[in-house]
Amino acid sequence: MKHGRTTGLTHGLVYAVNATVNMGYDSGTARFVNQIVVMPKTFSAGGDFGSLIVTEDGNRPAGLLFAGRDYHTIANLIDPVLTRFGVTIDGEP
């Protein structure tokens, strides 16, 4: 689940983990690996990007929402994001 600026609190199902996603940009195509795919389409909308996705059971951080596509949402796995920025979750080792 997540709480986004546009859609508020929504619940979804993890469709895939460790997915590879190609995203088209004006400057070309970028490939993102080890991503989470969440369904349904209504899980997110423009303006929700950057929302923290957490587990239903225990609100444990799972991913950082960064893109939406026709029928699903794409998120970065949370551990590489935390490592990249050198942060930890309060109460986590």
PDB file of N, CA and C in Angstrom:
ATOM      1  N   MET A   1       0.840  -1.172   0.000  1.00  0.00           N
ATOM      2  CA  MET A   1       0.000   0.000   0.000  1.00  0.00           C
ATOM      3  C   MET A   1       0.884   1.234   0.000  1.00  0.00           C
ATOM      4  N   LYS A   2       0.290   2.371  -0.333  1.00  0.00           N
ATOM      5  CA  LYS A   2       1.017   3.629  -0.312  1.00  0.00           C
ATOM      6  C   LYS A   2       0.019   4.760  -0.151  1.00  0.00           C
ATOM      7  N   HIS A   3       0.544   5.915   0.236  1.00  0.00           N
ATOM      8  CA  HIS A   3      -0.288   7.114   0.300  1.00  0.00           C
ATOM      9  C   HIS A   3       0.354   8.139  -0.618  1.00  0.00           C
ATOM     10  N   GLY A   4      -0.304   8.437  -1.725  1.00  0.00           N
ATOM     11  CA  GLY A   4       0.239   9.356  -2.709  1.00  0.00           C
ATOM     12  C   GLY A   4      -0.488  10.682  -2.710  1.00  0.00           C
ATOM     13  N   ARG A   5       0.168  11.685  -3.231  1.00  0.00           N
ATOM     14  CA  ARG A   5      -0.414  13.022  -3.306  1.00  0.00           C
ATOM     15  C   ARG A   5      -1.702  13.030  -4.128  1.00  0.00           C
ATOM     16  N   THR A   6      -1.721  12.306  -5.224  1.00  0.00           N
ATOM     17  CA  THR A   6      -2.866  12.333  -6.124  1.00  0.00           C
ATOM     18  C   THR A   6      -3.950  11.344  -5.739  1.00  0.00           C
ATOM     19  N   THR A   7      -3.574  10.108  -5.475  1.00  0.00           N
ATOM     20  CA  THR A   7      -4.575   9.059  -5.253  1.00  0.00           C
ATOM     21  C   THR A   7      -4.835   8.742  -3.788  1.00  0.00           C
ATOM     22  N   GLY A   8      -4.078   9.345  -2.877  1.00  0.00           N
ATOM     23  CA  GLY A   8      -4.267   9.048  -1.466  1.00  0.00           C
ATOM     24  C   GLY A   8      -3.828   7.635  -1.127  1.00  0.00           C
ATOM     25  N   LEU A   9      -4.529   7.016  -0.192  1.00  0.00           N
ATOM     26  CA  LEU A   9      -4.185   5.661   0.247  1.00  0.00           C
ATOM     27  C   LEU A   9      -4.746   4.653  -0.747  1.00  0.00           C
ATOM     28  N   THR A  10      -3.869   3.831  -1.305  1.00  0.00           N
ATOM     29  CA  THR A  10      -4.298   2.771  -2.214  1.00  0.00           C
ATOM     30  C   THR A  10      -3.611   1.476  -1.831  1.00  0.00           C
ATOM     31  N   HIS A  11      -4.243   0.393  -2.215  1.00  0.00           N
ATOM     32  CA  HIS A  11      -3.731  -0.946  -1.948  1.00  0.00           C
ATOM     33  C   HIS A  11      -3.543  -1.656  -3.282  1.00  0.00           C
ATOM     34  N   GLY A  12      -2.481  -2.424  -3.375  1.00  0.00           N
ATOM     35  CA  GLY A  12      -2.222  -3.154  -4.608  1.00  0.00           C
ATOM     36  C   GLY A  12      -1.606  -4.501  -4.314  1.00  0.00           C
ATOM     37  N   LEU A  13      -1.327  -5.223  -5.368  1.00  0.00           N
ATOM     38  CA  LEU A  13      -0.693  -6.525  -5.275  1.00  0.00           C
ATOM     39  C   LEU A  13       0.624  -6.495  -6.031  1.00  0.00           C
ATOM     40  N   VAL A  14       1.648  -7.077  -5.430  1.00  0.00           N
ATOM     41  CA  VAL A  14       2.930  -7.183  -6.115  1.00  0.00           C
ATOM     42  C   VAL A  14       2.767  -8.233  -7.204  1.00  0.00           C
ATOM     43  N   TYR A  15       2.958  -7.802  -8.435  1.00  0.00           N
ATOM     44  CA  TYR A  15       2.827  -8.680  -9.588  1.00  0.00           C
ATOM     45  C   TYR A  15       4.155  -9.346  -9.906  1.00  0.00           C
ATOM     46  N   ALA A  16       5.260  -8.608  -9.708  1.00  0.00           N
ATOM     47  CA  ALA A  16       6.588  -9.149 -10.009  1.00  0.00           C
ATOM     48  C   ALA A  16       7.639  -8.451  -9.165  1.00  0.00           C
ATOM     49  N   VAL A  17       8.701  -9.168  -8.858  1.00  0.00           N
ATOM     50  CA  VAL A  17       9.886  -8.587  -8.217  1.00  0.00           C
ATOM     51  C   VAL A  17      11.086  -8.915  -9.103  1.00  0.00           C
ATOM     52  N   ASN A  18      12.119  -8.124  -8.969  1.00  0.00           N
ATOM     53  CA  ASN A  18      13.311  -8.280  -9.803  1.00  0.00           C
ATOM     54  C   ASN A  18      12.994  -8.161 -11.294  1.00  0.00           C
ATOM     55  N   ALA A  19      12.027  -7.319 -11.615  1.00  0.00           N
ATOM     56  CA  ALA A  19      11.639  -7.100 -13.007  1.00  0.00           C
ATOM     57  C   ALA A  19      12.612  -6.146 -13.695  1.00  0.00           C
ATOM     58  N   THR A  20      12.749  -6.307 -14.999  1.00  0.00           N
ATOM     59  CA  THR A  20      13.510  -5.376 -15.819  1.00  0.00           C
ATOM     60  C   THR A  20      12.508  -4.573 -16.642  1.00  0.00           C
ATOM     61  N   VAL A  21      12.628  -3.249 -16.570  1.00  0.00           N
ATOM     62  CA  VAL A  21      11.672  -2.360 -17.220  1.00  0.00           C
ATOM     63  C   VAL A  21      12.419  -1.367 -18.093  1.00  0.00           C
ATOM     64  N   ASN A  22      11.988  -1.223 -19.338  1.00  0.00           N
ATOM     65  CA  ASN A  22      12.543  -0.209 -20.234  1.00  0.00           C
ATOM     66  C   ASN A  22      11.606   0.983 -20.250  1.00  0.00           C
ATOM     67  N   MET A  23      12.172   2.166 -19.988  1.00  0.00           N
ATOM     68  CA  MET A  23      11.381   3.402 -19.964  1.00  0.00           C
ATOM     69  C   MET A  23      11.879   4.324 -21.065  1.00  0.00           C
ATOM     70  N   GLY A  24      10.956   4.803 -21.888  1.00  0.00           N
ATOM     71  CA  GLY A  24      11.324   5.704 -22.970  1.00  0.00           C
ATOM     72  C   GLY A  24      11.306   7.153 -22.510  1.00  0.00           C
ATOM     73  N   TYR A  25      12.356   7.873 -22.835  1.00  0.00           N
ATOM     74  CA  TYR A  25      12.485   9.299 -22.537  1.00  0.00           C
ATOM     75  C   TYR A  25      12.854  10.021 -23.827  1.00  0.00           C
ATOM     76  N   ASP A  26      12.737  11.341 -23.832  1.00  0.00           N
ATOM     77  CA  ASP A  26      13.098  12.125 -25.013  1.00  0.00           C
ATOM     78  C   ASP A  26      14.528  11.844 -25.457  1.00  0.00           C
ATOM     79  N   SER A  27      15.404  11.605 -24.506  1.00  0.00           N
ATOM     80  CA  SER A  27      16.820  11.394 -24.813  1.00  0.00           C
ATOM     81  C   SER A  27      17.155   9.932 -25.143  1.00  0.00           C
ATOM     82  N   GLY A  28      16.189   9.032 -25.032  1.00  0.00           N
ATOM     83  CA  GLY A  28      16.437   7.626 -25.324  1.00  0.00           C
ATOM     84  C   GLY A  28      15.704   6.715 -24.362  1.00  0.00           C
ATOM     85  N   THR A  29      16.151   5.482 -24.307  1.00  0.00           N
ATOM     86  CA  THR A  29      15.521   4.480 -23.455  1.00  0.00           C
ATOM     87  C   THR A  29      16.459   4.122 -22.306  1.00  0.00           C
ATOM     88  N   ALA A  30      15.896   4.073 -21.107  1.00  0.00           N
ATOM     89  CA  ALA A  30      16.663   3.669 -19.925  1.00  0.00           C
ATOM     90  C   ALA A  30      16.131   2.325 -19.450  1.00  0.00           C
ATOM     91  N   ARG A  31      17.038   1.456 -19.067  1.00  0.00           N
ATOM     92  CA  ARG A  31      16.668   0.145 -18.546  1.00  0.00           C
ATOM     93  C   ARG A  31      16.853   0.138 -17.032  1.00  0.00           C
ATOM     94  N   PHE A  32      15.816  -0.236 -16.315  1.00  0.00           N
ATOM     95  CA  PHE A  32      15.850  -0.342 -14.865  1.00  0.00           C
ATOM     96  C   PHE A  32      15.715  -1.816 -14.500  1.00  0.00           C
ATOM     97  N   VAL A  33      16.624  -2.320 -13.696  1.00  0.00           N
ATOM     98  CA  VAL A  33      16.608  -3.730 -13.306  1.00  0.00           C
ATOM     99  C   VAL A  33      16.268  -3.849 -11.826  1.00  0.00           C
ATOM    100  N   ASN A  34      15.825  -5.046 -11.439  1.00  0.00           N
ATOM    101  CA  ASN A  34      15.473  -5.337 -10.038  1.00  0.00           C
ATOM    102  C   ASN A  34      14.382  -4.399  -9.515  1.00  0.00           C
ATOM    103  N   GLN A  35      13.339  -4.245 -10.292  1.00  0.00           N
ATOM    104  CA  GLN A  35      12.228  -3.380  -9.921  1.00  0.00           C
ATOM    105  C   GLN A  35      11.041  -4.203  -9.423  1.00  0.00           C
ATOM    106  N   ILE A  36      10.134  -3.520  -8.737  1.00  0.00           N
ATOM    107  CA  ILE A  36       8.885  -4.122  -8.272  1.00  0.00           C
ATOM    108  C   ILE A  36       7.775  -3.650  -9.208  1.00  0.00           C
ATOM    109  N   VAL A  37       6.902  -4.560  -9.609  1.00  0.00           N
ATOM    110  CA  VAL A  37       5.736  -4.209 -10.417  1.00  0.00           C
ATOM    111  C   VAL A  37       4.500  -4.432  -9.564  1.00  0.00           C
ATOM    112  N   VAL A  38       3.677  -3.387  -9.427  1.00  0.00           N
ATOM    113  CA  VAL A  38       2.473  -3.437  -8.592  1.00  0.00           C
ATOM    114  C   VAL A  38       1.248  -3.216  -9.478  1.00  0.00           C
ATOM    115  N   MET A  39       0.201  -3.968  -9.227  1.00  0.00           N
ATOM    116  CA  MET A  39      -1.063  -3.816  -9.942  1.00  0.00           C
ATOM    117  C   MET A  39      -2.156  -3.551  -8.924  1.00  0.00           C
ATOM    118  N   PRO A  40      -3.259  -2.977  -9.246  1.00  0.00           N
ATOM    119  CA  PRO A  40      -3.771  -2.615 -10.549  1.00  0.00           C
ATOM    120  C   PRO A  40      -3.333  -1.213 -10.979  1.00  0.00           C
ATOM    121  N   LYS A  41      -3.825  -0.813 -12.132  1.00  0.00           N
ATOM    122  CA  LYS A  41      -3.511   0.503 -12.684  1.00  0.00           C
ATOM    123  C   LYS A  41      -3.875   1.617 -11.700  1.00  0.00           C
ATOM    124  N   THR A  42      -4.941   1.439 -10.951  1.00  0.00           N
ATOM    125  CA  THR A  42      -5.420   2.474 -10.033  1.00  0.00           C
ATOM    126  C   THR A  42      -4.551   2.636  -8.784  1.00  0.00           C
ATOM    127  N   PHE A  43      -3.482   1.843  -8.666  1.00  0.00           N
ATOM    128  CA  PHE A  43      -2.598   1.957  -7.504  1.00  0.00           C
ATOM    129  C   PHE A  43      -1.934   3.318  -7.446  1.00  0.00           C
ATOM    130  N   SER A  44      -1.636   3.912  -8.616  1.00  0.00           N
ATOM    131  CA  SER A  44      -0.967   5.215  -8.621  1.00  0.00           C
ATOM    132  C   SER A  44      -1.398   6.034  -9.825  1.00  0.00           C
ATOM    133  N   ALA A  45      -1.065   7.322  -9.768  1.00  0.00           N
ATOM    134  CA  ALA A  45      -1.315   8.245 -10.874  1.00  0.00           C
ATOM    135  C   ALA A  45      -0.250   9.327 -10.809  1.00  0.00           C
ATOM    136  N   GLY A  46      -0.185  10.149 -11.838  1.00  0.00           N
ATOM    137  CA  GLY A  46       0.772  11.249 -11.852  1.00  0.00           C
ATOM    138  C   GLY A  46       0.676  12.071 -10.580  1.00  0.00           C
ATOM    139  N   GLY A  47       1.811  12.403  -9.998  1.00  0.00           N
ATOM    140  CA  GLY A  47       1.838  13.136  -8.735  1.00  0.00           C
ATOM    141  C   GLY A  47       2.098  12.242  -7.542  1.00  0.00           C
ATOM    142  N   ASP A  48       1.947  10.926  -7.719  1.00  0.00           N
ATOM    143  CA  ASP A  48       2.222   9.974  -6.641  1.00  0.00           C
ATOM    144  C   ASP A  48       3.689   9.551  -6.625  1.00  0.00           C
ATOM    145  N   PHE A  49       4.430   9.889  -7.655  1.00  0.00           N
ATOM    146  CA  PHE A  49       5.798   9.418  -7.781  1.00  0.00           C
ATOM    147  C   PHE A  49       6.656   9.929  -6.631  1.00  0.00           C
ATOM    148  N   GLY A  50       7.446   9.018  -6.078  1.00  0.00           N
ATOM    149  CA  GLY A  50       8.226   9.324  -4.889  1.00  0.00           C
ATOM    150  C   GLY A  50       7.565   8.815  -3.619  1.00  0.00           C
ATOM    151  N   SER A  51       6.370   8.257  -3.750  1.00  0.00           N
ATOM    152  CA  SER A  51       5.663   7.710  -2.587  1.00  0.00           C
ATOM    153  C   SER A  51       6.346   6.438  -2.097  1.00  0.00           C
ATOM    154  N   LEU A  52       6.360   6.270  -0.798  1.00  0.00           N
ATOM    155  CA  LEU A  52       6.905   5.069  -0.191  1.00  0.00           C
ATOM    156  C   LEU A  52       5.841   3.980  -0.214  1.00  0.00           C
ATOM    157  N   ILE A  53       6.196   2.820  -0.745  1.00  0.00           N
ATOM    158  CA  ILE A  53       5.304   1.664  -0.752  1.00  0.00           C
ATOM    159  C   ILE A  53       5.677   0.799   0.447  1.00  0.00           C
ATOM    160  N   VAL A  54       4.671   0.430   1.231  1.00  0.00           N
ATOM    161  CA  VAL A  54       4.903  -0.367   2.435  1.00  0.00           C
ATOM    162  C   VAL A  54       4.063  -1.635   2.391  1.00  0.00           C
ATOM    163  N   THR A  55       4.435  -2.599   3.236  1.00  0.00           N
ATOM    164  CA  THR A  55       3.682  -3.843   3.325  1.00  0.00           C
ATOM    165  C   THR A  55       2.375  -3.610   4.066  1.00  0.00           C
ATOM    166  N   GLU A  56       1.379  -4.396   3.720  1.00  0.00           N
ATOM    167  CA  GLU A  56       0.098  -4.322   4.430  1.00  0.00           C
ATOM    168  C   GLU A  56       0.264  -4.743   5.883  1.00  0.00           C
ATOM    169  N   ASP A  57       1.101  -5.747   6.088  1.00  0.00           N
ATOM    170  CA  ASP A  57       1.311  -6.293   7.422  1.00  0.00           C
ATOM    171  C   ASP A  57       2.545  -5.634   8.042  1.00  0.00           C
ATOM    172  N   GLY A  58       2.351  -4.676   8.890  1.00  0.00           N
ATOM    173  CA  GLY A  58       3.442  -4.065   9.615  1.00  0.00           C
ATOM    174  C   GLY A  58       3.993  -2.775   9.043  1.00  0.00           C
ATOM    175  N   ASN A  59       3.456  -2.321   7.915  1.00  0.00           N
ATOM    176  CA  ASN A  59       3.920  -1.066   7.310  1.00  0.00           C
ATOM    177  C   ASN A  59       5.427  -1.031   7.105  1.00  0.00           C
ATOM    178  N   ARG A  60       6.008  -2.133   6.711  1.00  0.00           N
ATOM    179  CA  ARG A  60       7.455  -2.186   6.468  1.00  0.00           C
ATOM    180  C   ARG A  60       7.747  -1.639   5.081  1.00  0.00           C
ATOM    181  N   PRO A  61       8.714  -0.731   4.954  1.00  0.00           N
ATOM    182  CA  PRO A  61       9.056  -0.166   3.649  1.00  0.00           C
ATOM    183  C   PRO A  61       9.457  -1.263   2.660  1.00  0.00           C
ATOM    184  N   ALA A  62       8.921  -1.169   1.442  1.00  0.00           N
ATOM    185  CA  ALA A  62       9.207  -2.167   0.417  1.00  0.00           C
ATOM    186  C   ALA A  62       9.771  -1.549  -0.854  1.00  0.00           C
ATOM    187  N   GLY A  63       9.305  -0.360  -1.220  1.00  0.00           N
ATOM    188  CA  GLY A  63       9.753   0.236  -2.468  1.00  0.00           C
ATOM    189  C   GLY A  63       9.473   1.717  -2.541  1.00  0.00           C
ATOM    190  N   LEU A  64      10.078   2.345  -3.528  1.00  0.00           N
ATOM    191  CA  LEU A  64       9.896   3.773  -3.787  1.00  0.00           C
ATOM    192  C   LEU A  64       9.304   3.904  -5.191  1.00  0.00           C
ATOM    193  N   LEU A  65       8.077   4.384  -5.255  1.00  0.00           N
ATOM    194  CA  LEU A  65       7.349   4.482  -6.508  1.00  0.00           C
ATOM    195  C   LEU A  65       8.038   5.476  -7.439  1.00  0.00           C
ATOM    196  N   PHE A  66       8.291   5.071  -8.699  1.00  0.00           N
ATOM    197  CA  PHE A  66       8.921   6.018  -9.608  1.00  0.00           C
ATOM    198  C   PHE A  66       8.281   6.101 -10.980  1.00  0.00           C
ATOM    199  N   ALA A  67       7.379   5.197 -11.331  1.00  0.00           N
ATOM    200  CA  ALA A  67       6.768   5.280 -12.656  1.00  0.00           C
ATOM    201  C   ALA A  67       5.455   4.516 -12.688  1.00  0.00           C
ATOM    202  N   GLY A  68       4.615   4.925 -13.595  1.00  0.00           N
ATOM    203  CA  GLY A  68       3.380   4.211 -13.862  1.00  0.00           C
ATOM    204  C   GLY A  68       3.314   3.896 -15.337  1.00  0.00           C
ATOM    205  N   ARG A  69       2.676   2.821 -15.668  1.00  0.00           N
ATOM    206  CA  ARG A  69       2.496   2.432 -17.064  1.00  0.00           C
ATOM    207  C   ARG A  69       1.029   2.114 -17.279  1.00  0.00           C
ATOM    208  N   ASP A  70       0.707   1.549 -18.418  1.00  0.00           N
ATOM    209  CA  ASP A  70      -0.681   1.318 -18.796  1.00  0.00           C
ATOM    210  C   ASP A  70      -1.504   0.606 -17.729  1.00  0.00           C
ATOM    211  N   TYR A  71      -0.952  -0.459 -17.158  1.00  0.00           N
ATOM    212  CA  TYR A  71      -1.753  -1.251 -16.228  1.00  0.00           C
ATOM    213  C   TYR A  71      -1.071  -1.541 -14.902  1.00  0.00           C
ATOM    214  N   HIS A  72       0.071  -0.878 -14.644  1.00  0.00           N
ATOM    215  CA  HIS A  72       0.787  -1.178 -13.415  1.00  0.00           C
ATOM    216  C   HIS A  72       1.682  -0.015 -12.988  1.00  0.00           C
ATOM    217  N   THR A  73       2.235  -0.165 -11.796  1.00  0.00           N
ATOM    218  CA  THR A  73       3.138   0.817 -11.201  1.00  0.00           C
ATOM    219  C   THR A  73       4.505   0.166 -11.039  1.00  0.00           C
ATOM    220  N   ILE A  74       5.559   0.960 -11.218  1.00  0.00           N
ATOM    221  CA  ILE A  74       6.923   0.464 -11.080  1.00  0.00           C
ATOM    222  C   ILE A  74       7.563   1.145  -9.873  1.00  0.00           C
ATOM    223  N   ALA A  75       8.282   0.363  -9.071  1.00  0.00           N
ATOM    224  CA  ALA A  75       8.951   0.901  -7.891  1.00  0.00           C
ATOM    225  C   ALA A  75      10.357   0.336  -7.767  1.00  0.00           C
ATOM    226  N   ASN A  76      11.254   1.162  -7.248  1.00  0.00           N
ATOM    227  CA  ASN A  76      12.593   0.691  -6.901  1.00  0.00           C
ATOM    228  C   ASN A  76      12.499  -0.108  -5.613  1.00  0.00           C
ATOM    229  N   LEU A  77      13.235  -1.211  -5.508  1.00  0.00           N
ATOM    230  CA  LEU A  77      13.347  -1.904  -4.229  1.00  0.00           C
ATOM    231  C   LEU A  77      13.926  -0.925  -3.213  1.00  0.00           C
ATOM    232  N   ILE A  78      13.444  -0.949  -1.995  1.00  0.00           N
ATOM    233  CA  ILE A  78      13.829   0.068  -1.018  1.00  0.00           C
ATOM    234  C   ILE A  78      15.271  -0.074  -0.535  1.00  0.00           C
ATOM    235  N   ASP A  79      15.800  -1.293  -0.409  1.00  0.00           N
ATOM    236  CA  ASP A  79      17.151  -1.458   0.137  1.00  0.00           C
ATOM    237  C   ASP A  79      18.228  -0.740  -0.670  1.00  0.00           C
ATOM    238  N   PRO A  80      18.258  -0.848  -2.003  1.00  0.00           N
ATOM    239  CA  PRO A  80      19.275  -0.094  -2.746  1.00  0.00           C
ATOM    240  C   PRO A  80      19.117   1.428  -2.614  1.00  0.00           C
ATOM    241  N   VAL A  81      17.885   1.893  -2.482  1.00  0.00           N
ATOM    242  CA  VAL A  81      17.647   3.331  -2.297  1.00  0.00           C
ATOM    243  C   VAL A  81      18.235   3.781  -0.961  1.00  0.00           C
ATOM    244  N   LEU A  82      17.950   3.027   0.090  1.00  0.00           N
ATOM    245  CA  LEU A  82      18.469   3.375   1.415  1.00  0.00           C
ATOM    246  C   LEU A  82      19.996   3.334   1.428  1.00  0.00           C
ATOM    247  N   THR A  83      20.569   2.314   0.809  1.00  0.00           N
ATOM    248  CA  THR A  83      22.023   2.188   0.746  1.00  0.00           C
ATOM    249  C   THR A  83      22.638   3.354  -0.008  1.00  0.00           C
ATOM    250  N   ARG A  84      22.059   3.705  -1.137  1.00  0.00           N
ATOM    251  CA  ARG A  84      22.589   4.800  -1.967  1.00  0.00           C
ATOM    252  C   ARG A  84      22.671   6.109  -1.196  1.00  0.00           C
ATOM    253  N   PHE A  85      21.671   6.376  -0.370  1.00  0.00           N
ATOM    254  CA  PHE A  85      21.636   7.628   0.364  1.00  0.00           C
ATOM    255  C   PHE A  85      22.150   7.508   1.795  1.00  0.00           C
ATOM    256  N   GLY A  86      22.608   6.316   2.174  1.00  0.00           N
ATOM    257  CA  GLY A  86      23.209   6.121   3.478  1.00  0.00           C
ATOM    258  C   GLY A  86      22.254   6.345   4.634  1.00  0.00           C
ATOM    259  N   VAL A  87      21.004   5.904   4.471  1.00  0.00           N
ATOM    260  CA  VAL A  87      20.028   6.081   5.534  1.00  0.00           C
ATOM    261  C   VAL A  87      19.491   4.727   6.008  1.00  0.00           C
ATOM    262  N   THR A  88      18.905   4.722   7.180  1.00  0.00           N
ATOM    263  CA  THR A  88      18.279   3.526   7.717  1.00  0.00           C
ATOM    264  C   THR A  88      16.867   3.870   8.144  1.00  0.00           C
ATOM    265  N   ILE A  89      16.058   2.852   8.305  1.00  0.00           N
ATOM    266  CA  ILE A  89      14.700   3.013   8.804  1.00  0.00           C
ATOM    267  C   ILE A  89      14.751   2.913  10.312  1.00  0.00           C
ATOM    268  N   ASP A  90      14.135   3.836  11.002  1.00  0.00           N
ATOM    269  CA  ASP A  90      14.121   3.842  12.463  1.00  0.00           C
ATOM    270  C   ASP A  90      13.595   2.511  12.986  1.00  0.00           C
ATOM    271  N   GLY A  91      14.330   1.888  13.865  1.00  0.00           N
ATOM    272  CA  GLY A  91      13.926   0.615  14.440  1.00  0.00           C
ATOM    273  C   GLY A  91      14.442  -0.584  13.666  1.00  0.00           C
ATOM    274  N   GLU A  92      15.117  -0.353  12.544  1.00  0.00           N
ATOM    275  CA  GLU A  92      15.687  -1.449  11.746  1.00  0.00           C
ATOM    276  C   GLU A  92      17.180  -1.526  12.022  1.00  0.00           C
ATOM    277  N   PRO A  93      17.753  -2.725  11.981  1.00  0.00           N
ATOM    278  CA  PRO A  93      19.196  -2.867  12.200  1.00  0.00           C
ATOM    279  C   PRO A  93      20.013  -2.268  11.063  1.00  0.00           C
TER     280      PRO A  93
END
